[in-house]
Amino acid sequence: MEELVSIPKYAAQTRLSIHTVIKKTMNGELKTVVQKEGEKEVTYILFTPENKSPSLSIEVASEEDIIDYKKEYEVLHKEFLILKTKYEKLCVK
């Protein structure tokens, strides 16, 4: 069952900013209907139960994605010390 919902109401229900909802309607990601009310044209979003809440995807880090921060820090610190000594040698001359 589809219902017509205004942009601010859709933004509140899906916890998105109004700016984001407008961008999605302009890109065609959301189905819209334009109705004339009095002298104004009002844009409504066709609201269906499956797009009531935005889908959240949670990715679990695999073993190859795990970073050894201590090792990475040591590598960067070593590079820093090499660059620091090169810089100091340039400044002394």
PDB file of N, CA and C in Angstrom:
ATOM      1  N   MET A   1       0.840  -1.179   0.000  1.00  0.00           N
ATOM      2  CA  MET A   1       0.000   0.000   0.000  1.00  0.00           C
ATOM      3  C   MET A   1       0.887   1.246   0.000  1.00  0.00           C
ATOM      4  N   GLU A   2       0.644   2.115  -0.934  1.00  0.00           N
ATOM      5  CA  GLU A   2       1.419   3.342  -1.044  1.00  0.00           C
ATOM      6  C   GLU A   2       0.601   4.510  -0.529  1.00  0.00           C
ATOM      7  N   GLU A   3       1.283   5.425   0.126  1.00  0.00           N
ATOM      8  CA  GLU A   3       0.617   6.635   0.578  1.00  0.00           C
ATOM      9  C   GLU A   3       1.458   7.834   0.163  1.00  0.00           C
ATOM     10  N   LEU A   4       0.820   8.959  -0.003  1.00  0.00           N
ATOM     11  CA  LEU A   4       1.517  10.179  -0.382  1.00  0.00           C
ATOM     12  C   LEU A   4       1.988  10.892   0.874  1.00  0.00           C
ATOM     13  N   VAL A   5       3.278  11.219   0.905  1.00  0.00           N
ATOM     14  CA  VAL A   5       3.873  11.871   2.065  1.00  0.00           C
ATOM     15  C   VAL A   5       4.653  13.084   1.572  1.00  0.00           C
ATOM     16  N   SER A   6       4.565  14.175   2.312  1.00  0.00           N
ATOM     17  CA  SER A   6       5.318  15.374   1.936  1.00  0.00           C
ATOM     18  C   SER A   6       6.804  15.145   2.214  1.00  0.00           C
ATOM     19  N   ILE A   7       7.629  15.979   1.619  1.00  0.00           N
ATOM     20  CA  ILE A   7       9.078  15.837   1.761  1.00  0.00           C
ATOM     21  C   ILE A   7       9.523  15.997   3.216  1.00  0.00           C
ATOM     22  N   PRO A   8       9.062  17.021   3.954  1.00  0.00           N
ATOM     23  CA  PRO A   8       9.488  17.126   5.352  1.00  0.00           C
ATOM     24  C   PRO A   8       9.033  15.944   6.213  1.00  0.00           C
ATOM     25  N   LYS A   9       7.831  15.427   5.953  1.00  0.00           N
ATOM     26  CA  LYS A   9       7.334  14.297   6.723  1.00  0.00           C
ATOM     27  C   LYS A   9       8.151  13.042   6.410  1.00  0.00           C
ATOM     28  N   TYR A  10       8.503  12.840   5.136  1.00  0.00           N
ATOM     29  CA  TYR A  10       9.324  11.698   4.755  1.00  0.00           C
ATOM     30  C   TYR A  10      10.705  11.794   5.407  1.00  0.00           C
ATOM     31  N   ALA A  11      11.257  13.008   5.421  1.00  0.00           N
ATOM     32  CA  ALA A  11      12.572  13.207   6.031  1.00  0.00           C
ATOM     33  C   ALA A  11      12.537  12.873   7.520  1.00  0.00           C
ATOM     34  N   ALA A  12      11.461  13.264   8.192  1.00  0.00           N
ATOM     35  CA  ALA A  12      11.343  12.981   9.620  1.00  0.00           C
ATOM     36  C   ALA A  12      11.170  11.490   9.878  1.00  0.00           C
ATOM     37  N   GLN A  13      10.391  10.806   9.047  1.00  0.00           N
ATOM     38  CA  GLN A  13      10.133   9.390   9.261  1.00  0.00           C
ATOM     39  C   GLN A  13      11.363   8.540   8.979  1.00  0.00           C
ATOM     40  N   THR A  14      12.166   8.926   8.011  1.00  0.00           N
ATOM     41  CA  THR A  14      13.348   8.133   7.658  1.00  0.00           C
ATOM     42  C   THR A  14      14.618   8.660   8.314  1.00  0.00           C
ATOM     43  N   ARG A  15      14.489   9.718   9.078  1.00  0.00           N
ATOM     44  CA  ARG A  15      15.620  10.338   9.789  1.00  0.00           C
ATOM     45  C   ARG A  15      16.714  10.792   8.835  1.00  0.00           C
ATOM     46  N   LEU A  16      16.298  11.411   7.750  1.00  0.00           N
ATOM     47  CA  LEU A  16      17.210  12.011   6.788  1.00  0.00           C
ATOM     48  C   LEU A  16      16.992  13.514   6.803  1.00  0.00           C
ATOM     49  N   SER A  17      17.973  14.256   6.313  1.00  0.00           N
ATOM     50  CA  SER A  17      17.775  15.701   6.220  1.00  0.00           C
ATOM     51  C   SER A  17      16.875  15.996   5.013  1.00  0.00           C
ATOM     52  N   ILE A  18      16.209  17.125   5.074  1.00  0.00           N
ATOM     53  CA  ILE A  18      15.332  17.527   3.974  1.00  0.00           C
ATOM     54  C   ILE A  18      16.156  17.704   2.700  1.00  0.00           C
ATOM     55  N   HIS A  19      17.361  18.226   2.856  1.00  0.00           N
ATOM     56  CA  HIS A  19      18.251  18.408   1.701  1.00  0.00           C
ATOM     57  C   HIS A  19      18.542  17.069   1.030  1.00  0.00           C
ATOM     58  N   THR A  20      18.812  16.038   1.808  1.00  0.00           N
ATOM     59  CA  THR A  20      19.096  14.710   1.257  1.00  0.00           C
ATOM     60  C   THR A  20      17.882  14.149   0.541  1.00  0.00           C
ATOM     61  N   VAL A  21      16.692  14.342   1.116  1.00  0.00           N
ATOM     62  CA  VAL A  21      15.471  13.842   0.494  1.00  0.00           C
ATOM     63  C   VAL A  21      15.223  14.549  -0.829  1.00  0.00           C
ATOM     64  N   ILE A  22      15.462  15.850  -0.870  1.00  0.00           N
ATOM     65  CA  ILE A  22      15.275  16.600  -2.113  1.00  0.00           C
ATOM     66  C   ILE A  22      16.262  16.113  -3.172  1.00  0.00           C
ATOM     67  N   LYS A  23      17.520  15.861  -2.772  1.00  0.00           N
ATOM     68  CA  LYS A  23      18.500  15.346  -3.724  1.00  0.00           C
ATOM     69  C   LYS A  23      18.072  13.987  -4.268  1.00  0.00           C
ATOM     70  N   LYS A  24      17.527  13.137  -3.396  1.00  0.00           N
ATOM     71  CA  LYS A  24      17.087  11.816  -3.846  1.00  0.00           C
ATOM     72  C   LYS A  24      15.905  11.924  -4.795  1.00  0.00           C
ATOM     73  N   THR A  25      15.013  12.881  -4.578  1.00  0.00           N
ATOM     74  CA  THR A  25      13.881  13.048  -5.496  1.00  0.00           C
ATOM     75  C   THR A  25      14.360  13.603  -6.836  1.00  0.00           C
ATOM     76  N   MET A  26      15.348  14.498  -6.796  1.00  0.00           N
ATOM     77  CA  MET A  26      15.870  15.070  -8.036  1.00  0.00           C
ATOM     78  C   MET A  26      16.626  14.011  -8.847  1.00  0.00           C
ATOM     79  N   ASN A  27      17.310  13.082  -8.163  1.00  0.00           N
ATOM     80  CA  ASN A  27      18.065  12.021  -8.849  1.00  0.00           C
ATOM     81  C   ASN A  27      17.165  10.890  -9.319  1.00  0.00           C
ATOM     82  N   GLY A  28      15.920  10.870  -8.868  1.00  0.00           N
ATOM     83  CA  GLY A  28      15.003   9.820  -9.269  1.00  0.00           C
ATOM     84  C   GLY A  28      15.066   8.587  -8.388  1.00  0.00           C
ATOM     85  N   GLU A  29      15.741   8.673  -7.238  1.00  0.00           N
ATOM     86  CA  GLU A  29      15.829   7.533  -6.330  1.00  0.00           C
ATOM     87  C   GLU A  29      14.505   7.282  -5.613  1.00  0.00           C
ATOM     88  N   LEU A  30      13.713   8.337  -5.436  1.00  0.00           N
ATOM     89  CA  LEU A  30      12.415   8.210  -4.777  1.00  0.00           C
ATOM     90  C   LEU A  30      11.317   8.512  -5.786  1.00  0.00           C
ATOM     91  N   LYS A  31      10.249   7.737  -5.740  1.00  0.00           N
ATOM     92  CA  LYS A  31       9.116   7.971  -6.633  1.00  0.00           C
ATOM     93  C   LYS A  31       8.324   9.161  -6.097  1.00  0.00           C
ATOM     94  N   THR A  32       8.017  10.087  -6.996  1.00  0.00           N
ATOM     95  CA  THR A  32       7.297  11.292  -6.585  1.00  0.00           C
ATOM     96  C   THR A  32       6.073  11.517  -7.447  1.00  0.00           C
ATOM     97  N   VAL A  33       5.141  12.282  -6.872  1.00  0.00           N
ATOM     98  CA  VAL A  33       3.936  12.693  -7.575  1.00  0.00           C
ATOM     99  C   VAL A  33       3.766  14.183  -7.322  1.00  0.00           C
ATOM    100  N   VAL A  34       3.527  14.946  -8.372  1.00  0.00           N
ATOM    101  CA  VAL A  34       3.318  16.383  -8.230  1.00  0.00           C
ATOM    102  C   VAL A  34       1.821  16.648  -8.356  1.00  0.00           C
ATOM    103  N   GLN A  35       1.255  17.253  -7.310  1.00  0.00           N
ATOM    104  CA  GLN A  35      -0.171  17.594  -7.327  1.00  0.00           C
ATOM    105  C   GLN A  35      -0.319  19.097  -7.185  1.00  0.00           C
ATOM    106  N   LYS A  36      -1.366  19.610  -7.812  1.00  0.00           N
ATOM    107  CA  LYS A  36      -1.622  21.039  -7.733  1.00  0.00           C
ATOM    108  C   LYS A  36      -2.645  21.287  -6.634  1.00  0.00           C
ATOM    109  N   GLU A  37      -2.243  22.081  -5.654  1.00  0.00           N
ATOM    110  CA  GLU A  37      -3.139  22.455  -4.561  1.00  0.00           C
ATOM    111  C   GLU A  37      -3.297  23.966  -4.598  1.00  0.00           C
ATOM    112  N   GLY A  38      -4.441  24.402  -5.000  1.00  0.00           N
ATOM    113  CA  GLY A  38      -4.667  25.841  -5.155  1.00  0.00           C
ATOM    114  C   GLY A  38      -3.820  26.346  -6.303  1.00  0.00           C
ATOM    115  N   GLU A  39      -2.939  27.279  -6.020  1.00  0.00           N
ATOM    116  CA  GLU A  39      -2.053  27.817  -7.043  1.00  0.00           C
ATOM    117  C   GLU A  39      -0.660  27.199  -6.989  1.00  0.00           C
ATOM    118  N   LYS A  40      -0.396  26.376  -5.975  1.00  0.00           N
ATOM    119  CA  LYS A  40       0.937  25.802  -5.799  1.00  0.00           C
ATOM    120  C   LYS A  40       0.986  24.367  -6.302  1.00  0.00           C
ATOM    121  N   GLU A  41       2.166  23.987  -6.799  1.00  0.00           N
ATOM    122  CA  GLU A  41       2.412  22.593  -7.132  1.00  0.00           C
ATOM    123  C   GLU A  41       3.193  21.981  -5.977  1.00  0.00           C
ATOM    124  N   VAL A  42       2.660  20.938  -5.385  1.00  0.00           N
ATOM    125  CA  VAL A  42       3.274  20.302  -4.228  1.00  0.00           C
ATOM    126  C   VAL A  42       3.783  18.923  -4.644  1.00  0.00           C
ATOM    127  N   THR A  43       5.010  18.616  -4.243  1.00  0.00           N
ATOM    128  CA  THR A  43       5.616  17.322  -4.555  1.00  0.00           C
ATOM    129  C   THR A  43       5.425  16.383  -3.377  1.00  0.00           C
ATOM    130  N   TYR A  44       4.867  15.214  -3.663  1.00  0.00           N
ATOM    131  CA  TYR A  44       4.692  14.186  -2.647  1.00  0.00           C
ATOM    132  C   TYR A  44       5.529  12.972  -3.029  1.00  0.00           C
ATOM    133  N   ILE A  45       5.948  12.238  -2.005  1.00  0.00           N
ATOM    134  CA  ILE A  45       6.713  11.023  -2.221  1.00  0.00           C
ATOM    135  C   ILE A  45       5.792   9.839  -2.032  1.00  0.00           C
ATOM    136  N   LEU A  46       5.865   8.871  -2.956  1.00  0.00           N
ATOM    137  CA  LEU A  46       5.102   7.638  -2.802  1.00  0.00           C
ATOM    138  C   LEU A  46       5.804   6.800  -1.744  1.00  0.00           C
ATOM    139  N   PHE A  47       5.173   6.696  -0.597  1.00  0.00           N
ATOM    140  CA  PHE A  47       5.780   6.070   0.575  1.00  0.00           C
ATOM    141  C   PHE A  47       5.264   4.647   0.714  1.00  0.00           C
ATOM    142  N   THR A  48       6.165   3.676   0.619  1.00  0.00           N
ATOM    143  CA  THR A  48       5.789   2.278   0.759  1.00  0.00           C
ATOM    144  C   THR A  48       6.420   1.716   2.025  1.00  0.00           C
ATOM    145  N   PRO A  49       5.851   0.667   2.600  1.00  0.00           N
ATOM    146  CA  PRO A  49       6.390   0.122   3.856  1.00  0.00           C
ATOM    147  C   PRO A  49       7.844  -0.340   3.752  1.00  0.00           C
ATOM    148  N   GLU A  50       8.298  -0.819   2.589  1.00  0.00           N
ATOM    149  CA  GLU A  50       9.667  -1.304   2.510  1.00  0.00           C
ATOM    150  C   GLU A  50      10.696  -0.190   2.547  1.00  0.00           C
ATOM    151  N   ASN A  51      10.321   1.062   2.188  1.00  0.00           N
ATOM    152  CA  ASN A  51      11.297   2.135   2.313  1.00  0.00           C
ATOM    153  C   ASN A  51      10.968   3.042   3.504  1.00  0.00           C
ATOM    154  N   LYS A  52      10.320   2.470   4.531  1.00  0.00           N
ATOM    155  CA  LYS A  52      10.056   3.241   5.738  1.00  0.00           C
ATOM    156  C   LYS A  52      11.327   3.537   6.504  1.00  0.00           C
ATOM    157  N   SER A  53      12.185   2.540   6.651  1.00  0.00           N
ATOM    158  CA  SER A  53      13.443   2.767   7.344  1.00  0.00           C
ATOM    159  C   SER A  53      14.585   2.494   6.389  1.00  0.00           C
ATOM    160  N   PRO A  54      15.588   3.360   6.397  1.00  0.00           N
ATOM    161  CA  PRO A  54      16.711   3.138   5.493  1.00  0.00           C
ATOM    162  C   PRO A  54      17.467   1.880   5.902  1.00  0.00           C
ATOM    163  N   SER A  55      17.913   1.136   4.901  1.00  0.00           N
ATOM    164  CA  SER A  55      18.621  -0.106   5.203  1.00  0.00           C
ATOM    165  C   SER A  55      20.047   0.216   5.619  1.00  0.00           C
ATOM    166  N   LEU A  56      20.448  -0.388   6.702  1.00  0.00           N
ATOM    167  CA  LEU A  56      21.795  -0.200   7.206  1.00  0.00           C
ATOM    168  C   LEU A  56      22.587  -1.464   6.931  1.00  0.00           C
ATOM    169  N   SER A  57      23.700  -1.316   6.287  1.00  0.00           N
ATOM    170  CA  SER A  57      24.537  -2.471   6.014  1.00  0.00           C
ATOM    171  C   SER A  57      25.760  -2.410   6.924  1.00  0.00           C
ATOM    172  N   ILE A  58      25.979  -3.473   7.647  1.00  0.00           N
ATOM    173  CA  ILE A  58      27.103  -3.552   8.564  1.00  0.00           C
ATOM    174  C   ILE A  58      28.099  -4.552   7.992  1.00  0.00           C
ATOM    175  N   GLU A  59      29.307  -4.082   7.799  1.00  0.00           N
ATOM    176  CA  GLU A  59      30.337  -4.941   7.248  1.00  0.00           C
ATOM    177  C   GLU A  59      31.269  -5.384   8.365  1.00  0.00           C
ATOM    178  N   VAL A  60      31.544  -6.663   8.393  1.00  0.00           N
ATOM    179  CA  VAL A  60      32.463  -7.208   9.378  1.00  0.00           C
ATOM    180  C   VAL A  60      33.835  -7.287   8.731  1.00  0.00           C
ATOM    181  N   ALA A  61      34.839  -6.806   9.451  1.00  0.00           N
ATOM    182  CA  ALA A  61      36.186  -6.802   8.911  1.00  0.00           C
ATOM    183  C   ALA A  61      36.720  -8.225   8.839  1.00  0.00           C
ATOM    184  N   SER A  62      37.281  -8.550   7.700  1.00  0.00           N
ATOM    185  CA  SER A  62      37.883  -9.875   7.544  1.00  0.00           C
ATOM    186  C   SER A  62      39.308  -9.842   8.096  1.00  0.00           C
ATOM    187  N   GLU A  63      39.937 -10.975   8.133  1.00  0.00           N
ATOM    188  CA  GLU A  63      41.281 -11.058   8.704  1.00  0.00           C
ATOM    189  C   GLU A  63      42.288 -10.240   7.913  1.00  0.00           C
ATOM    190  N   GLU A  64      42.124 -10.162   6.604  1.00  0.00           N
ATOM    191  CA  GLU A  64      43.071  -9.408   5.795  1.00  0.00           C
ATOM    192  C   GLU A  64      42.867  -7.906   5.921  1.00  0.00           C
ATOM    193  N   ASP A  65      41.692  -7.467   6.385  1.00  0.00           N
ATOM    194  CA  ASP A  65      41.432  -6.046   6.558  1.00  0.00           C
ATOM    195  C   ASP A  65      41.916  -5.515   7.906  1.00  0.00           C
ATOM    196  N   ILE A  66      42.254  -6.396   8.827  1.00  0.00           N
ATOM    197  CA  ILE A  66      42.684  -5.969  10.155  1.00  0.00           C
ATOM    198  C   ILE A  66      44.072  -5.350  10.049  1.00  0.00           C
ATOM    199  N   ILE A  67      44.229  -4.171  10.643  1.00  0.00           N
ATOM    200  CA  ILE A  67      45.472  -3.414  10.542  1.00  0.00           C
ATOM    201  C   ILE A  67      46.234  -3.526  11.856  1.00  0.00           C
ATOM    202  N   ASP A  68      47.513  -3.803  11.744  1.00  0.00           N
ATOM    203  CA  ASP A  68      48.380  -3.802  12.917  1.00  0.00           C
ATOM    204  C   ASP A  68      48.880  -2.360  13.087  1.00  0.00           C
ATOM    205  N   TYR A  69      48.223  -1.606  13.968  1.00  0.00           N
ATOM    206  CA  TYR A  69      48.506  -0.186  14.091  1.00  0.00           C
ATOM    207  C   TYR A  69      49.902   0.082  14.639  1.00  0.00           C
ATOM    208  N   LYS A  70      50.379  -0.774  15.526  1.00  0.00           N
ATOM    209  CA  LYS A  70      51.716  -0.574  16.085  1.00  0.00           C
ATOM    210  C   LYS A  70      52.769  -0.695  14.986  1.00  0.00           C
ATOM    211  N   LYS A  71      52.622  -1.705  14.127  1.00  0.00           N
ATOM    212  CA  LYS A  71      53.560  -1.905  13.032  1.00  0.00           C
ATOM    213  C   LYS A  71      53.500  -0.734  12.054  1.00  0.00           C
ATOM    214  N   GLU A  72      52.286  -0.292  11.709  1.00  0.00           N
ATOM    215  CA  GLU A  72      52.127   0.842  10.786  1.00  0.00           C
ATOM    216  C   GLU A  72      52.718   2.122  11.379  1.00  0.00           C
ATOM    217  N   TYR A  73      52.548   2.308  12.695  1.00  0.00           N
ATOM    218  CA  TYR A  73      53.116   3.480  13.353  1.00  0.00           C
ATOM    219  C   TYR A  73      54.633   3.458  13.256  1.00  0.00           C
ATOM    220  N   GLU A  74      55.226   2.302  13.489  1.00  0.00           N
ATOM    221  CA  GLU A  74      56.682   2.184  13.433  1.00  0.00           C
ATOM    222  C   GLU A  74      57.205   2.482  12.032  1.00  0.00           C
ATOM    223  N   VAL A  75      56.496   2.017  11.015  1.00  0.00           N
ATOM    224  CA  VAL A  75      56.912   2.286   9.628  1.00  0.00           C
ATOM    225  C   VAL A  75      56.842   3.787   9.340  1.00  0.00           C
ATOM    226  N   LEU A  76      55.745   4.416   9.733  1.00  0.00           N
ATOM    227  CA  LEU A  76      55.609   5.862   9.496  1.00  0.00           C
ATOM    228  C   LEU A  76      56.623   6.656  10.303  1.00  0.00           C
ATOM    229  N   HIS A  77      56.895   6.235  11.528  1.00  0.00           N
ATOM    230  CA  HIS A  77      57.858   6.945  12.371  1.00  0.00           C
ATOM    231  C   HIS A  77      59.263   6.842  11.770  1.00  0.00           C
ATOM    232  N   LYS A  78      59.593   5.683  11.226  1.00  0.00           N
ATOM    233  CA  LYS A  78      60.893   5.492  10.579  1.00  0.00           C
ATOM    234  C   LYS A  78      61.025   6.425   9.375  1.00  0.00           C
ATOM    235  N   GLU A  79      59.979   6.499   8.553  1.00  0.00           N
ATOM    236  CA  GLU A  79      59.993   7.410   7.403  1.00  0.00           C
ATOM    237  C   GLU A  79      60.117   8.859   7.865  1.00  0.00           C
ATOM    238  N   PHE A  80      59.429   9.197   8.941  1.00  0.00           N
ATOM    239  CA  PHE A  80      59.495  10.554   9.480  1.00  0.00           C
ATOM    240  C   PHE A  80      60.913  10.900   9.904  1.00  0.00           C
ATOM    241  N   LEU A  81      61.578   9.976  10.599  1.00  0.00           N
ATOM    242  CA  LEU A  81      62.934  10.247  11.059  1.00  0.00           C
ATOM    243  C   LEU A  81      63.897  10.411   9.889  1.00  0.00           C
ATOM    244  N   ILE A  82      63.720   9.607   8.840  1.00  0.00           N
ATOM    245  CA  ILE A  82      64.575   9.739   7.656  1.00  0.00           C
ATOM    246  C   ILE A  82      64.366  11.105   7.013  1.00  0.00           C
ATOM    247  N   LEU A  83      63.124  11.518   6.844  1.00  0.00           N
ATOM    248  CA  LEU A  83      62.844  12.824   6.243  1.00  0.00           C
ATOM    249  C   LEU A  83      63.328  13.965   7.128  1.00  0.00           C
ATOM    250  N   LYS A  84      63.220  13.788   8.427  1.00  0.00           N
ATOM    251  CA  LYS A  84      63.665  14.827   9.365  1.00  0.00           C
ATOM    252  C   LYS A  84      65.168  15.028   9.258  1.00  0.00           C
ATOM    253  N   THR A  85      65.924  13.932   9.178  1.00  0.00           N
ATOM    254  CA  THR A  85      67.380  14.064   9.063  1.00  0.00           C
ATOM    255  C   THR A  85      67.764  14.689   7.727  1.00  0.00           C
ATOM    256  N   LYS A  86      67.068  14.329   6.634  1.00  0.00           N
ATOM    257  CA  LYS A  86      67.351  14.945   5.342  1.00  0.00           C
ATOM    258  C   LYS A  86      67.075  16.446   5.383  1.00  0.00           C
ATOM    259  N   TYR A  87      65.984  16.827   6.038  1.00  0.00           N
ATOM    260  CA  TYR A  87      65.625  18.241   6.152  1.00  0.00           C
ATOM    261  C   TYR A  87      66.667  18.999   6.967  1.00  0.00           C
ATOM    262  N   GLU A  88      67.113  18.396   8.064  1.00  0.00           N
ATOM    263  CA  GLU A  88      68.107  19.055   8.905  1.00  0.00           C
ATOM    264  C   GLU A  88      69.436  19.220   8.165  1.00  0.00           C
ATOM    265  N   LYS A  89      69.802  18.230   7.339  1.00  0.00           N
ATOM    266  CA  LYS A  89      71.018  18.348   6.551  1.00  0.00           C
ATOM    267  C   LYS A  89      70.906  19.482   5.533  1.00  0.00           C
ATOM    268  N   LEU A  90      69.709  19.663   4.951  1.00  0.00           N
ATOM    269  CA  LEU A  90      69.521  20.756   3.993  1.00  0.00           C
ATOM    270  C   LEU A  90      69.578  22.115   4.671  1.00  0.00           C
ATOM    271  N   CYS A  91      69.064  22.205   5.879  1.00  0.00           N
ATOM    272  CA  CYS A  91      69.032  23.489   6.589  1.00  0.00           C
ATOM    273  C   CYS A  91      70.417  23.895   7.086  1.00  0.00           C
ATOM    274  N   VAL A  92      71.256  22.927   7.383  1.00  0.00           N
ATOM    275  CA  VAL A  92      72.594  23.232   7.919  1.00  0.00           C
ATOM    276  C   VAL A  92      73.475  23.843   6.846  1.00  0.00           C
ATOM    277  N   LYS A  93      73.346  23.438   5.603  1.00  0.00           N
ATOM    278  CA  LYS A  93      74.203  23.952   4.525  1.00  0.00           C
ATOM    279  C   LYS A  93      73.953  25.359   4.223  1.00  0.00           C
TER     280      LYS A  93
END
